[in-house]
Each structure stands twice: as C-alpha cells, then as structure tokens.
C-alpha cells in the first residue's frame, strides 16, 4: 500500500482511495 497504486491489469497508476477508504 502507498499513496499511489498500480493496476495489475491495465498497469496504470491511480491514487489510494483515501476519500472513500476501504471497508470490511
């Protein structure tokens, strides 16, 4: 985990969803 994550399919980077953090 980091502020910027890389998609394992399209290989594009995207920001960690801090505005809607993961739930259980």
PDBML (XML) file of the C-alpha atoms, coordinates in Angstrom:
<?xml version="1.0" encoding="UTF-8" ?>
<PDBx:datablock datablockName="MODEL"
   xmlns:PDBx="http://pdbml.pdb.org/schema/pdbx-v50.xsd"
   xmlns:xsi="http://www.w3.org/2001/XMLSchema-instance"
   xsi:schemaLocation="http://pdbml.pdb.org/schema/pdbx-v50.xsd pdbx-v50.xsd">
   <PDBx:atom_siteCategory>
      <PDBx:atom_site id="1">
         <PDBx:B_iso_or_equiv>0.00</PDBx:B_iso_or_equiv>
         <PDBx:Cartn_x>0.000</PDBx:Cartn_x>
         <PDBx:Cartn_y>0.000</PDBx:Cartn_y>
         <PDBx:Cartn_z>0.000</PDBx:Cartn_z>
         <PDBx:auth_asym_id>A</PDBx:auth_asym_id>
         <PDBx:auth_atom_id>CA</PDBx:auth_atom_id>
         <PDBx:auth_comp_id>UNK</PDBx:auth_comp_id>
         <PDBx:auth_seq_id>1</PDBx:auth_seq_id>
         <PDBx:group_PDB>ATOM</PDBx:group_PDB>
         <PDBx:label_alt_id xsi:nil="true" />
         <PDBx:label_asym_id>A</PDBx:label_asym_id>
         <PDBx:label_atom_id>CA</PDBx:label_atom_id>
         <PDBx:label_comp_id>UNK</PDBx:label_comp_id>
         <PDBx:label_entity_id>1</PDBx:label_entity_id>
         <PDBx:label_seq_id>1</PDBx:label_seq_id>
         <PDBx:occupancy>1.00</PDBx:occupancy>
         <PDBx:pdbx_PDB_model_num>1</PDBx:pdbx_PDB_model_num>
         <PDBx:type_symbol>C</PDBx:type_symbol>
      </PDBx:atom_site>
      <PDBx:atom_site id="2">
         <PDBx:B_iso_or_equiv>0.00</PDBx:B_iso_or_equiv>
         <PDBx:Cartn_x>1.115</PDBx:Cartn_x>
         <PDBx:Cartn_y>3.525</PDBx:Cartn_y>
         <PDBx:Cartn_z>-0.881</PDBx:Cartn_z>
         <PDBx:auth_asym_id>A</PDBx:auth_asym_id>
         <PDBx:auth_atom_id>CA</PDBx:auth_atom_id>
         <PDBx:auth_comp_id>UNK</PDBx:auth_comp_id>
         <PDBx:auth_seq_id>2</PDBx:auth_seq_id>
         <PDBx:group_PDB>ATOM</PDBx:group_PDB>
         <PDBx:label_alt_id xsi:nil="true" />
         <PDBx:label_asym_id>A</PDBx:label_asym_id>
         <PDBx:label_atom_id>CA</PDBx:label_atom_id>
         <PDBx:label_comp_id>UNK</PDBx:label_comp_id>
         <PDBx:label_entity_id>1</PDBx:label_entity_id>
         <PDBx:label_seq_id>2</PDBx:label_seq_id>
         <PDBx:occupancy>1.00</PDBx:occupancy>
         <PDBx:pdbx_PDB_model_num>1</PDBx:pdbx_PDB_model_num>
         <PDBx:type_symbol>C</PDBx:type_symbol>
      </PDBx:atom_site>
      <PDBx:atom_site id="3">
         <PDBx:B_iso_or_equiv>0.00</PDBx:B_iso_or_equiv>
         <PDBx:Cartn_x>-0.376</PDBx:Cartn_x>
         <PDBx:Cartn_y>6.880</PDBx:Cartn_y>
         <PDBx:Cartn_z>-1.822</PDBx:Cartn_z>
         <PDBx:auth_asym_id>A</PDBx:auth_asym_id>
         <PDBx:auth_atom_id>CA</PDBx:auth_atom_id>
         <PDBx:auth_comp_id>UNK</PDBx:auth_comp_id>
         <PDBx:auth_seq_id>3</PDBx:auth_seq_id>
         <PDBx:group_PDB>ATOM</PDBx:group_PDB>
         <PDBx:label_alt_id xsi:nil="true" />
         <PDBx:label_asym_id>A</PDBx:label_asym_id>
         <PDBx:label_atom_id>CA</PDBx:label_atom_id>
         <PDBx:label_comp_id>UNK</PDBx:label_comp_id>
         <PDBx:label_entity_id>1</PDBx:label_entity_id>
         <PDBx:label_seq_id>3</PDBx:label_seq_id>
         <PDBx:occupancy>1.00</PDBx:occupancy>
         <PDBx:pdbx_PDB_model_num>1</PDBx:pdbx_PDB_model_num>
         <PDBx:type_symbol>C</PDBx:type_symbol>
      </PDBx:atom_site>
      <PDBx:atom_site id="4">
         <PDBx:B_iso_or_equiv>0.00</PDBx:B_iso_or_equiv>
         <PDBx:Cartn_x>-0.182</PDBx:Cartn_x>
         <PDBx:Cartn_y>5.748</PDBx:Cartn_y>
         <PDBx:Cartn_z>-5.454</PDBx:Cartn_z>
         <PDBx:auth_asym_id>A</PDBx:auth_asym_id>
         <PDBx:auth_atom_id>CA</PDBx:auth_atom_id>
         <PDBx:auth_comp_id>UNK</PDBx:auth_comp_id>
         <PDBx:auth_seq_id>4</PDBx:auth_seq_id>
         <PDBx:group_PDB>ATOM</PDBx:group_PDB>
         <PDBx:label_alt_id xsi:nil="true" />
         <PDBx:label_asym_id>A</PDBx:label_asym_id>
         <PDBx:label_atom_id>CA</PDBx:label_atom_id>
         <PDBx:label_comp_id>UNK</PDBx:label_comp_id>
         <PDBx:label_entity_id>1</PDBx:label_entity_id>
         <PDBx:label_seq_id>4</PDBx:label_seq_id>
         <PDBx:occupancy>1.00</PDBx:occupancy>
         <PDBx:pdbx_PDB_model_num>1</PDBx:pdbx_PDB_model_num>
         <PDBx:type_symbol>C</PDBx:type_symbol>
      </PDBx:atom_site>
      <PDBx:atom_site id="5">
         <PDBx:B_iso_or_equiv>0.00</PDBx:B_iso_or_equiv>
         <PDBx:Cartn_x>-1.153</PDBx:Cartn_x>
         <PDBx:Cartn_y>2.213</PDBx:Cartn_y>
         <PDBx:Cartn_z>-6.581</PDBx:Cartn_z>
         <PDBx:auth_asym_id>A</PDBx:auth_asym_id>
         <PDBx:auth_atom_id>CA</PDBx:auth_atom_id>
         <PDBx:auth_comp_id>UNK</PDBx:auth_comp_id>
         <PDBx:auth_seq_id>5</PDBx:auth_seq_id>
         <PDBx:group_PDB>ATOM</PDBx:group_PDB>
         <PDBx:label_alt_id xsi:nil="true" />
         <PDBx:label_asym_id>A</PDBx:label_asym_id>
         <PDBx:label_atom_id>CA</PDBx:label_atom_id>
         <PDBx:label_comp_id>UNK</PDBx:label_comp_id>
         <PDBx:label_entity_id>1</PDBx:label_entity_id>
         <PDBx:label_seq_id>5</PDBx:label_seq_id>
         <PDBx:occupancy>1.00</PDBx:occupancy>
         <PDBx:pdbx_PDB_model_num>1</PDBx:pdbx_PDB_model_num>
         <PDBx:type_symbol>C</PDBx:type_symbol>
      </PDBx:atom_site>
      <PDBx:atom_site id="6">
         <PDBx:B_iso_or_equiv>0.00</PDBx:B_iso_or_equiv>
         <PDBx:Cartn_x>-0.593</PDBx:Cartn_x>
         <PDBx:Cartn_y>0.401</PDBx:Cartn_y>
         <PDBx:Cartn_z>-9.880</PDBx:Cartn_z>
         <PDBx:auth_asym_id>A</PDBx:auth_asym_id>
         <PDBx:auth_atom_id>CA</PDBx:auth_atom_id>
         <PDBx:auth_comp_id>UNK</PDBx:auth_comp_id>
         <PDBx:auth_seq_id>6</PDBx:auth_seq_id>
         <PDBx:group_PDB>ATOM</PDBx:group_PDB>
         <PDBx:label_alt_id xsi:nil="true" />
         <PDBx:label_asym_id>A</PDBx:label_asym_id>
         <PDBx:label_atom_id>CA</PDBx:label_atom_id>
         <PDBx:label_comp_id>UNK</PDBx:label_comp_id>
         <PDBx:label_entity_id>1</PDBx:label_entity_id>
         <PDBx:label_seq_id>6</PDBx:label_seq_id>
         <PDBx:occupancy>1.00</PDBx:occupancy>
         <PDBx:pdbx_PDB_model_num>1</PDBx:pdbx_PDB_model_num>
         <PDBx:type_symbol>C</PDBx:type_symbol>
      </PDBx:atom_site>
      <PDBx:atom_site id="7">
         <PDBx:B_iso_or_equiv>0.00</PDBx:B_iso_or_equiv>
         <PDBx:Cartn_x>-3.422</PDBx:Cartn_x>
         <PDBx:Cartn_y>-1.562</PDBx:Cartn_y>
         <PDBx:Cartn_z>-11.505</PDBx:Cartn_z>
         <PDBx:auth_asym_id>A</PDBx:auth_asym_id>
         <PDBx:auth_atom_id>CA</PDBx:auth_atom_id>
         <PDBx:auth_comp_id>UNK</PDBx:auth_comp_id>
         <PDBx:auth_seq_id>7</PDBx:auth_seq_id>
         <PDBx:group_PDB>ATOM</PDBx:group_PDB>
         <PDBx:label_alt_id xsi:nil="true" />
         <PDBx:label_asym_id>A</PDBx:label_asym_id>
         <PDBx:label_atom_id>CA</PDBx:label_atom_id>
         <PDBx:label_comp_id>UNK</PDBx:label_comp_id>
         <PDBx:label_entity_id>1</PDBx:label_entity_id>
         <PDBx:label_seq_id>7</PDBx:label_seq_id>
         <PDBx:occupancy>1.00</PDBx:occupancy>
         <PDBx:pdbx_PDB_model_num>1</PDBx:pdbx_PDB_model_num>
         <PDBx:type_symbol>C</PDBx:type_symbol>
      </PDBx:atom_site>
      <PDBx:atom_site id="8">
         <PDBx:B_iso_or_equiv>0.00</PDBx:B_iso_or_equiv>
         <PDBx:Cartn_x>-2.462</PDBx:Cartn_x>
         <PDBx:Cartn_y>-5.196</PDBx:Cartn_y>
         <PDBx:Cartn_z>-12.024</PDBx:Cartn_z>
         <PDBx:auth_asym_id>A</PDBx:auth_asym_id>
         <PDBx:auth_atom_id>CA</PDBx:auth_atom_id>
         <PDBx:auth_comp_id>UNK</PDBx:auth_comp_id>
         <PDBx:auth_seq_id>8</PDBx:auth_seq_id>
         <PDBx:group_PDB>ATOM</PDBx:group_PDB>
         <PDBx:label_alt_id xsi:nil="true" />
         <PDBx:label_asym_id>A</PDBx:label_asym_id>
         <PDBx:label_atom_id>CA</PDBx:label_atom_id>
         <PDBx:label_comp_id>UNK</PDBx:label_comp_id>
         <PDBx:label_entity_id>1</PDBx:label_entity_id>
         <PDBx:label_seq_id>8</PDBx:label_seq_id>
         <PDBx:occupancy>1.00</PDBx:occupancy>
         <PDBx:pdbx_PDB_model_num>1</PDBx:pdbx_PDB_model_num>
         <PDBx:type_symbol>C</PDBx:type_symbol>
      </PDBx:atom_site>
      <PDBx:atom_site id="9">
         <PDBx:B_iso_or_equiv>0.00</PDBx:B_iso_or_equiv>
         <PDBx:Cartn_x>-4.493</PDBx:Cartn_x>
         <PDBx:Cartn_y>-5.380</PDBx:Cartn_y>
         <PDBx:Cartn_z>-15.249</PDBx:Cartn_z>
         <PDBx:auth_asym_id>A</PDBx:auth_asym_id>
         <PDBx:auth_atom_id>CA</PDBx:auth_atom_id>
         <PDBx:auth_comp_id>UNK</PDBx:auth_comp_id>
         <PDBx:auth_seq_id>9</PDBx:auth_seq_id>
         <PDBx:group_PDB>ATOM</PDBx:group_PDB>
         <PDBx:label_alt_id xsi:nil="true" />
         <PDBx:label_asym_id>A</PDBx:label_asym_id>
         <PDBx:label_atom_id>CA</PDBx:label_atom_id>
         <PDBx:label_comp_id>UNK</PDBx:label_comp_id>
         <PDBx:label_entity_id>1</PDBx:label_entity_id>
         <PDBx:label_seq_id>9</PDBx:label_seq_id>
         <PDBx:occupancy>1.00</PDBx:occupancy>
         <PDBx:pdbx_PDB_model_num>1</PDBx:pdbx_PDB_model_num>
         <PDBx:type_symbol>C</PDBx:type_symbol>
      </PDBx:atom_site>
      <PDBx:atom_site id="10">
         <PDBx:B_iso_or_equiv>0.00</PDBx:B_iso_or_equiv>
         <PDBx:Cartn_x>-4.059</PDBx:Cartn_x>
         <PDBx:Cartn_y>-2.116</PDBx:Cartn_y>
         <PDBx:Cartn_z>-17.221</PDBx:Cartn_z>
         <PDBx:auth_asym_id>A</PDBx:auth_asym_id>
         <PDBx:auth_atom_id>CA</PDBx:auth_atom_id>
         <PDBx:auth_comp_id>UNK</PDBx:auth_comp_id>
         <PDBx:auth_seq_id>10</PDBx:auth_seq_id>
         <PDBx:group_PDB>ATOM</PDBx:group_PDB>
         <PDBx:label_alt_id xsi:nil="true" />
         <PDBx:label_asym_id>A</PDBx:label_asym_id>
         <PDBx:label_atom_id>CA</PDBx:label_atom_id>
         <PDBx:label_comp_id>UNK</PDBx:label_comp_id>
         <PDBx:label_entity_id>1</PDBx:label_entity_id>
         <PDBx:label_seq_id>10</PDBx:label_seq_id>
         <PDBx:occupancy>1.00</PDBx:occupancy>
         <PDBx:pdbx_PDB_model_num>1</PDBx:pdbx_PDB_model_num>
         <PDBx:type_symbol>C</PDBx:type_symbol>
      </PDBx:atom_site>
      <PDBx:atom_site id="11">
         <PDBx:B_iso_or_equiv>0.00</PDBx:B_iso_or_equiv>
         <PDBx:Cartn_x>-0.825</PDBx:Cartn_x>
         <PDBx:Cartn_y>-1.186</PDBx:Cartn_y>
         <PDBx:Cartn_z>-15.411</PDBx:Cartn_z>
         <PDBx:auth_asym_id>A</PDBx:auth_asym_id>
         <PDBx:auth_atom_id>CA</PDBx:auth_atom_id>
         <PDBx:auth_comp_id>UNK</PDBx:auth_comp_id>
         <PDBx:auth_seq_id>11</PDBx:auth_seq_id>
         <PDBx:group_PDB>ATOM</PDBx:group_PDB>
         <PDBx:label_alt_id xsi:nil="true" />
         <PDBx:label_asym_id>A</PDBx:label_asym_id>
         <PDBx:label_atom_id>CA</PDBx:label_atom_id>
         <PDBx:label_comp_id>UNK</PDBx:label_comp_id>
         <PDBx:label_entity_id>1</PDBx:label_entity_id>
         <PDBx:label_seq_id>11</PDBx:label_seq_id>
         <PDBx:occupancy>1.00</PDBx:occupancy>
         <PDBx:pdbx_PDB_model_num>1</PDBx:pdbx_PDB_model_num>
         <PDBx:type_symbol>C</PDBx:type_symbol>
      </PDBx:atom_site>
      <PDBx:atom_site id="12">
         <PDBx:B_iso_or_equiv>0.00</PDBx:B_iso_or_equiv>
         <PDBx:Cartn_x>-1.976</PDBx:Cartn_x>
         <PDBx:Cartn_y>2.419</PDBx:Cartn_y>
         <PDBx:Cartn_z>-14.963</PDBx:Cartn_z>
         <PDBx:auth_asym_id>A</PDBx:auth_asym_id>
         <PDBx:auth_atom_id>CA</PDBx:auth_atom_id>
         <PDBx:auth_comp_id>UNK</PDBx:auth_comp_id>
         <PDBx:auth_seq_id>12</PDBx:auth_seq_id>
         <PDBx:group_PDB>ATOM</PDBx:group_PDB>
         <PDBx:label_alt_id xsi:nil="true" />
         <PDBx:label_asym_id>A</PDBx:label_asym_id>
         <PDBx:label_atom_id>CA</PDBx:label_atom_id>
         <PDBx:label_comp_id>UNK</PDBx:label_comp_id>
         <PDBx:label_entity_id>1</PDBx:label_entity_id>
         <PDBx:label_seq_id>12</PDBx:label_seq_id>
         <PDBx:occupancy>1.00</PDBx:occupancy>
         <PDBx:pdbx_PDB_model_num>1</PDBx:pdbx_PDB_model_num>
         <PDBx:type_symbol>C</PDBx:type_symbol>
      </PDBx:atom_site>
      <PDBx:atom_site id="13">
         <PDBx:B_iso_or_equiv>0.00</PDBx:B_iso_or_equiv>
         <PDBx:Cartn_x>-1.372</PDBx:Cartn_x>
         <PDBx:Cartn_y>4.174</PDBx:Cartn_y>
         <PDBx:Cartn_z>-11.666</PDBx:Cartn_z>
         <PDBx:auth_asym_id>A</PDBx:auth_asym_id>
         <PDBx:auth_atom_id>CA</PDBx:auth_atom_id>
         <PDBx:auth_comp_id>UNK</PDBx:auth_comp_id>
         <PDBx:auth_seq_id>13</PDBx:auth_seq_id>
         <PDBx:group_PDB>ATOM</PDBx:group_PDB>
         <PDBx:label_alt_id xsi:nil="true" />
         <PDBx:label_asym_id>A</PDBx:label_asym_id>
         <PDBx:label_atom_id>CA</PDBx:label_atom_id>
         <PDBx:label_comp_id>UNK</PDBx:label_comp_id>
         <PDBx:label_entity_id>1</PDBx:label_entity_id>
         <PDBx:label_seq_id>13</PDBx:label_seq_id>
         <PDBx:occupancy>1.00</PDBx:occupancy>
         <PDBx:pdbx_PDB_model_num>1</PDBx:pdbx_PDB_model_num>
         <PDBx:type_symbol>C</PDBx:type_symbol>
      </PDBx:atom_site>
      <PDBx:atom_site id="14">
         <PDBx:B_iso_or_equiv>0.00</PDBx:B_iso_or_equiv>
         <PDBx:Cartn_x>-4.147</PDBx:Cartn_x>
         <PDBx:Cartn_y>5.612</PDBx:Cartn_y>
         <PDBx:Cartn_z>-9.506</PDBx:Cartn_z>
         <PDBx:auth_asym_id>A</PDBx:auth_asym_id>
         <PDBx:auth_atom_id>CA</PDBx:auth_atom_id>
         <PDBx:auth_comp_id>UNK</PDBx:auth_comp_id>
         <PDBx:auth_seq_id>14</PDBx:auth_seq_id>
         <PDBx:group_PDB>ATOM</PDBx:group_PDB>
         <PDBx:label_alt_id xsi:nil="true" />
         <PDBx:label_asym_id>A</PDBx:label_asym_id>
         <PDBx:label_atom_id>CA</PDBx:label_atom_id>
         <PDBx:label_comp_id>UNK</PDBx:label_comp_id>
         <PDBx:label_entity_id>1</PDBx:label_entity_id>
         <PDBx:label_seq_id>14</PDBx:label_seq_id>
         <PDBx:occupancy>1.00</PDBx:occupancy>
         <PDBx:pdbx_PDB_model_num>1</PDBx:pdbx_PDB_model_num>
         <PDBx:type_symbol>C</PDBx:type_symbol>
      </PDBx:atom_site>
      <PDBx:atom_site id="15">
         <PDBx:B_iso_or_equiv>0.00</PDBx:B_iso_or_equiv>
         <PDBx:Cartn_x>-4.382</PDBx:Cartn_x>
         <PDBx:Cartn_y>7.313</PDBx:Cartn_y>
         <PDBx:Cartn_z>-6.148</PDBx:Cartn_z>
         <PDBx:auth_asym_id>A</PDBx:auth_asym_id>
         <PDBx:auth_atom_id>CA</PDBx:auth_atom_id>
         <PDBx:auth_comp_id>UNK</PDBx:auth_comp_id>
         <PDBx:auth_seq_id>15</PDBx:auth_seq_id>
         <PDBx:group_PDB>ATOM</PDBx:group_PDB>
         <PDBx:label_alt_id xsi:nil="true" />
         <PDBx:label_asym_id>A</PDBx:label_asym_id>
         <PDBx:label_atom_id>CA</PDBx:label_atom_id>
         <PDBx:label_comp_id>UNK</PDBx:label_comp_id>
         <PDBx:label_entity_id>1</PDBx:label_entity_id>
         <PDBx:label_seq_id>15</PDBx:label_seq_id>
         <PDBx:occupancy>1.00</PDBx:occupancy>
         <PDBx:pdbx_PDB_model_num>1</PDBx:pdbx_PDB_model_num>
         <PDBx:type_symbol>C</PDBx:type_symbol>
      </PDBx:atom_site>
      <PDBx:atom_site id="16">
         <PDBx:B_iso_or_equiv>0.00</PDBx:B_iso_or_equiv>
         <PDBx:Cartn_x>-5.213</PDBx:Cartn_x>
         <PDBx:Cartn_y>5.375</PDBx:Cartn_y>
         <PDBx:Cartn_z>-2.999</PDBx:Cartn_z>
         <PDBx:auth_asym_id>A</PDBx:auth_asym_id>
         <PDBx:auth_atom_id>CA</PDBx:auth_atom_id>
         <PDBx:auth_comp_id>UNK</PDBx:auth_comp_id>
         <PDBx:auth_seq_id>16</PDBx:auth_seq_id>
         <PDBx:group_PDB>ATOM</PDBx:group_PDB>
         <PDBx:label_alt_id xsi:nil="true" />
         <PDBx:label_asym_id>A</PDBx:label_asym_id>
         <PDBx:label_atom_id>CA</PDBx:label_atom_id>
         <PDBx:label_comp_id>UNK</PDBx:label_comp_id>
         <PDBx:label_entity_id>1</PDBx:label_entity_id>
         <PDBx:label_seq_id>16</PDBx:label_seq_id>
         <PDBx:occupancy>1.00</PDBx:occupancy>
         <PDBx:pdbx_PDB_model_num>1</PDBx:pdbx_PDB_model_num>
         <PDBx:type_symbol>C</PDBx:type_symbol>
      </PDBx:atom_site>
      <PDBx:atom_site id="17">
         <PDBx:B_iso_or_equiv>0.00</PDBx:B_iso_or_equiv>
         <PDBx:Cartn_x>-8.973</PDBx:Cartn_x>
         <PDBx:Cartn_y>5.835</PDBx:Cartn_y>
         <PDBx:Cartn_z>-2.408</PDBx:Cartn_z>
         <PDBx:auth_asym_id>A</PDBx:auth_asym_id>
         <PDBx:auth_atom_id>CA</PDBx:auth_atom_id>
         <PDBx:auth_comp_id>UNK</PDBx:auth_comp_id>
         <PDBx:auth_seq_id>17</PDBx:auth_seq_id>
         <PDBx:group_PDB>ATOM</PDBx:group_PDB>
         <PDBx:label_alt_id xsi:nil="true" />
         <PDBx:label_asym_id>A</PDBx:label_asym_id>
         <PDBx:label_atom_id>CA</PDBx:label_atom_id>
         <PDBx:label_comp_id>UNK</PDBx:label_comp_id>
         <PDBx:label_entity_id>1</PDBx:label_entity_id>
         <PDBx:label_seq_id>17</PDBx:label_seq_id>
         <PDBx:occupancy>1.00</PDBx:occupancy>
         <PDBx:pdbx_PDB_model_num>1</PDBx:pdbx_PDB_model_num>
         <PDBx:type_symbol>C</PDBx:type_symbol>
      </PDBx:atom_site>
      <PDBx:atom_site id="18">
         <PDBx:B_iso_or_equiv>0.00</PDBx:B_iso_or_equiv>
         <PDBx:Cartn_x>-8.464</PDBx:Cartn_x>
         <PDBx:Cartn_y>7.976</PDBx:Cartn_y>
         <PDBx:Cartn_z>0.689</PDBx:Cartn_z>
         <PDBx:auth_asym_id>A</PDBx:auth_asym_id>
         <PDBx:auth_atom_id>CA</PDBx:auth_atom_id>
         <PDBx:auth_comp_id>UNK</PDBx:auth_comp_id>
         <PDBx:auth_seq_id>18</PDBx:auth_seq_id>
         <PDBx:group_PDB>ATOM</PDBx:group_PDB>
         <PDBx:label_alt_id xsi:nil="true" />
         <PDBx:label_asym_id>A</PDBx:label_asym_id>
         <PDBx:label_atom_id>CA</PDBx:label_atom_id>
         <PDBx:label_comp_id>UNK</PDBx:label_comp_id>
         <PDBx:label_entity_id>1</PDBx:label_entity_id>
         <PDBx:label_seq_id>18</PDBx:label_seq_id>
         <PDBx:occupancy>1.00</PDBx:occupancy>
         <PDBx:pdbx_PDB_model_num>1</PDBx:pdbx_PDB_model_num>
         <PDBx:type_symbol>C</PDBx:type_symbol>
      </PDBx:atom_site>
      <PDBx:atom_site id="19">
         <PDBx:B_iso_or_equiv>0.00</PDBx:B_iso_or_equiv>
         <PDBx:Cartn_x>-11.743</PDBx:Cartn_x>
         <PDBx:Cartn_y>9.849</PDBx:Cartn_y>
         <PDBx:Cartn_z>0.213</PDBx:Cartn_z>
         <PDBx:auth_asym_id>A</PDBx:auth_asym_id>
         <PDBx:auth_atom_id>CA</PDBx:auth_atom_id>
         <PDBx:auth_comp_id>UNK</PDBx:auth_comp_id>
         <PDBx:auth_seq_id>19</PDBx:auth_seq_id>
         <PDBx:group_PDB>ATOM</PDBx:group_PDB>
         <PDBx:label_alt_id xsi:nil="true" />
         <PDBx:label_asym_id>A</PDBx:label_asym_id>
         <PDBx:label_atom_id>CA</PDBx:label_atom_id>
         <PDBx:label_comp_id>UNK</PDBx:label_comp_id>
         <PDBx:label_entity_id>1</PDBx:label_entity_id>
         <PDBx:label_seq_id>19</PDBx:label_seq_id>
         <PDBx:occupancy>1.00</PDBx:occupancy>
         <PDBx:pdbx_PDB_model_num>1</PDBx:pdbx_PDB_model_num>
         <PDBx:type_symbol>C</PDBx:type_symbol>
      </PDBx:atom_site>
      <PDBx:atom_site id="20">
         <PDBx:B_iso_or_equiv>0.00</PDBx:B_iso_or_equiv>
         <PDBx:Cartn_x>-13.627</PDBx:Cartn_x>
         <PDBx:Cartn_y>6.531</PDBx:Cartn_y>
         <PDBx:Cartn_z>0.408</PDBx:Cartn_z>
         <PDBx:auth_asym_id>A</PDBx:auth_asym_id>
         <PDBx:auth_atom_id>CA</PDBx:auth_atom_id>
         <PDBx:auth_comp_id>UNK</PDBx:auth_comp_id>
         <PDBx:auth_seq_id>20</PDBx:auth_seq_id>
         <PDBx:group_PDB>ATOM</PDBx:group_PDB>
         <PDBx:label_alt_id xsi:nil="true" />
         <PDBx:label_asym_id>A</PDBx:label_asym_id>
         <PDBx:label_atom_id>CA</PDBx:label_atom_id>
         <PDBx:label_comp_id>UNK</PDBx:label_comp_id>
         <PDBx:label_entity_id>1</PDBx:label_entity_id>
         <PDBx:label_seq_id>20</PDBx:label_seq_id>
         <PDBx:occupancy>1.00</PDBx:occupancy>
         <PDBx:pdbx_PDB_model_num>1</PDBx:pdbx_PDB_model_num>
         <PDBx:type_symbol>C</PDBx:type_symbol>
      </PDBx:atom_site>
      <PDBx:atom_site id="21">
         <PDBx:B_iso_or_equiv>0.00</PDBx:B_iso_or_equiv>
         <PDBx:Cartn_x>-11.336</PDBx:Cartn_x>
         <PDBx:Cartn_y>4.251</PDBx:Cartn_y>
         <PDBx:Cartn_z>2.437</PDBx:Cartn_z>
         <PDBx:auth_asym_id>A</PDBx:auth_asym_id>
         <PDBx:auth_atom_id>CA</PDBx:auth_atom_id>
         <PDBx:auth_comp_id>UNK</PDBx:auth_comp_id>
         <PDBx:auth_seq_id>21</PDBx:auth_seq_id>
         <PDBx:group_PDB>ATOM</PDBx:group_PDB>
         <PDBx:label_alt_id xsi:nil="true" />
         <PDBx:label_asym_id>A</PDBx:label_asym_id>
         <PDBx:label_atom_id>CA</PDBx:label_atom_id>
         <PDBx:label_comp_id>UNK</PDBx:label_comp_id>
         <PDBx:label_entity_id>1</PDBx:label_entity_id>
         <PDBx:label_seq_id>21</PDBx:label_seq_id>
         <PDBx:occupancy>1.00</PDBx:occupancy>
         <PDBx:pdbx_PDB_model_num>1</PDBx:pdbx_PDB_model_num>
         <PDBx:type_symbol>C</PDBx:type_symbol>
      </PDBx:atom_site>
      <PDBx:atom_site id="22">
         <PDBx:B_iso_or_equiv>0.00</PDBx:B_iso_or_equiv>
         <PDBx:Cartn_x>-11.892</PDBx:Cartn_x>
         <PDBx:Cartn_y>0.505</PDBx:Cartn_y>
         <PDBx:Cartn_z>2.166</PDBx:Cartn_z>
         <PDBx:auth_asym_id>A</PDBx:auth_asym_id>
         <PDBx:auth_atom_id>CA</PDBx:auth_atom_id>
         <PDBx:auth_comp_id>UNK</PDBx:auth_comp_id>
         <PDBx:auth_seq_id>22</PDBx:auth_seq_id>
         <PDBx:group_PDB>ATOM</PDBx:group_PDB>
         <PDBx:label_alt_id xsi:nil="true" />
         <PDBx:label_asym_id>A</PDBx:label_asym_id>
         <PDBx:label_atom_id>CA</PDBx:label_atom_id>
         <PDBx:label_comp_id>UNK</PDBx:label_comp_id>
         <PDBx:label_entity_id>1</PDBx:label_entity_id>
         <PDBx:label_seq_id>22</PDBx:label_seq_id>
         <PDBx:occupancy>1.00</PDBx:occupancy>
         <PDBx:pdbx_PDB_model_num>1</PDBx:pdbx_PDB_model_num>
         <PDBx:type_symbol>C</PDBx:type_symbol>
      </PDBx:atom_site>
      <PDBx:atom_site id="23">
         <PDBx:B_iso_or_equiv>0.00</PDBx:B_iso_or_equiv>
         <PDBx:Cartn_x>-14.450</PDBx:Cartn_x>
         <PDBx:Cartn_y>-1.053</PDBx:Cartn_y>
         <PDBx:Cartn_z>4.469</PDBx:Cartn_z>
         <PDBx:auth_asym_id>A</PDBx:auth_asym_id>
         <PDBx:auth_atom_id>CA</PDBx:auth_atom_id>
         <PDBx:auth_comp_id>UNK</PDBx:auth_comp_id>
         <PDBx:auth_seq_id>23</PDBx:auth_seq_id>
         <PDBx:group_PDB>ATOM</PDBx:group_PDB>
         <PDBx:label_alt_id xsi:nil="true" />
         <PDBx:label_asym_id>A</PDBx:label_asym_id>
         <PDBx:label_atom_id>CA</PDBx:label_atom_id>
         <PDBx:label_comp_id>UNK</PDBx:label_comp_id>
         <PDBx:label_entity_id>1</PDBx:label_entity_id>
         <PDBx:label_seq_id>23</PDBx:label_seq_id>
         <PDBx:occupancy>1.00</PDBx:occupancy>
         <PDBx:pdbx_PDB_model_num>1</PDBx:pdbx_PDB_model_num>
         <PDBx:type_symbol>C</PDBx:type_symbol>
      </PDBx:atom_site>
      <PDBx:atom_site id="24">
         <PDBx:B_iso_or_equiv>0.00</PDBx:B_iso_or_equiv>
         <PDBx:Cartn_x>-14.520</PDBx:Cartn_x>
         <PDBx:Cartn_y>-4.523</PDBx:Cartn_y>
         <PDBx:Cartn_z>5.993</PDBx:Cartn_z>
         <PDBx:auth_asym_id>A</PDBx:auth_asym_id>
         <PDBx:auth_atom_id>CA</PDBx:auth_atom_id>
         <PDBx:auth_comp_id>UNK</PDBx:auth_comp_id>
         <PDBx:auth_seq_id>24</PDBx:auth_seq_id>
         <PDBx:group_PDB>ATOM</PDBx:group_PDB>
         <PDBx:label_alt_id xsi:nil="true" />
         <PDBx:label_asym_id>A</PDBx:label_asym_id>
         <PDBx:label_atom_id>CA</PDBx:label_atom_id>
         <PDBx:label_comp_id>UNK</PDBx:label_comp_id>
         <PDBx:label_entity_id>1</PDBx:label_entity_id>
         <PDBx:label_seq_id>24</PDBx:label_seq_id>
         <PDBx:occupancy>1.00</PDBx:occupancy>
         <PDBx:pdbx_PDB_model_num>1</PDBx:pdbx_PDB_model_num>
         <PDBx:type_symbol>C</PDBx:type_symbol>
      </PDBx:atom_site>
   </PDBx:atom_siteCategory>
</PDBx:datablock>
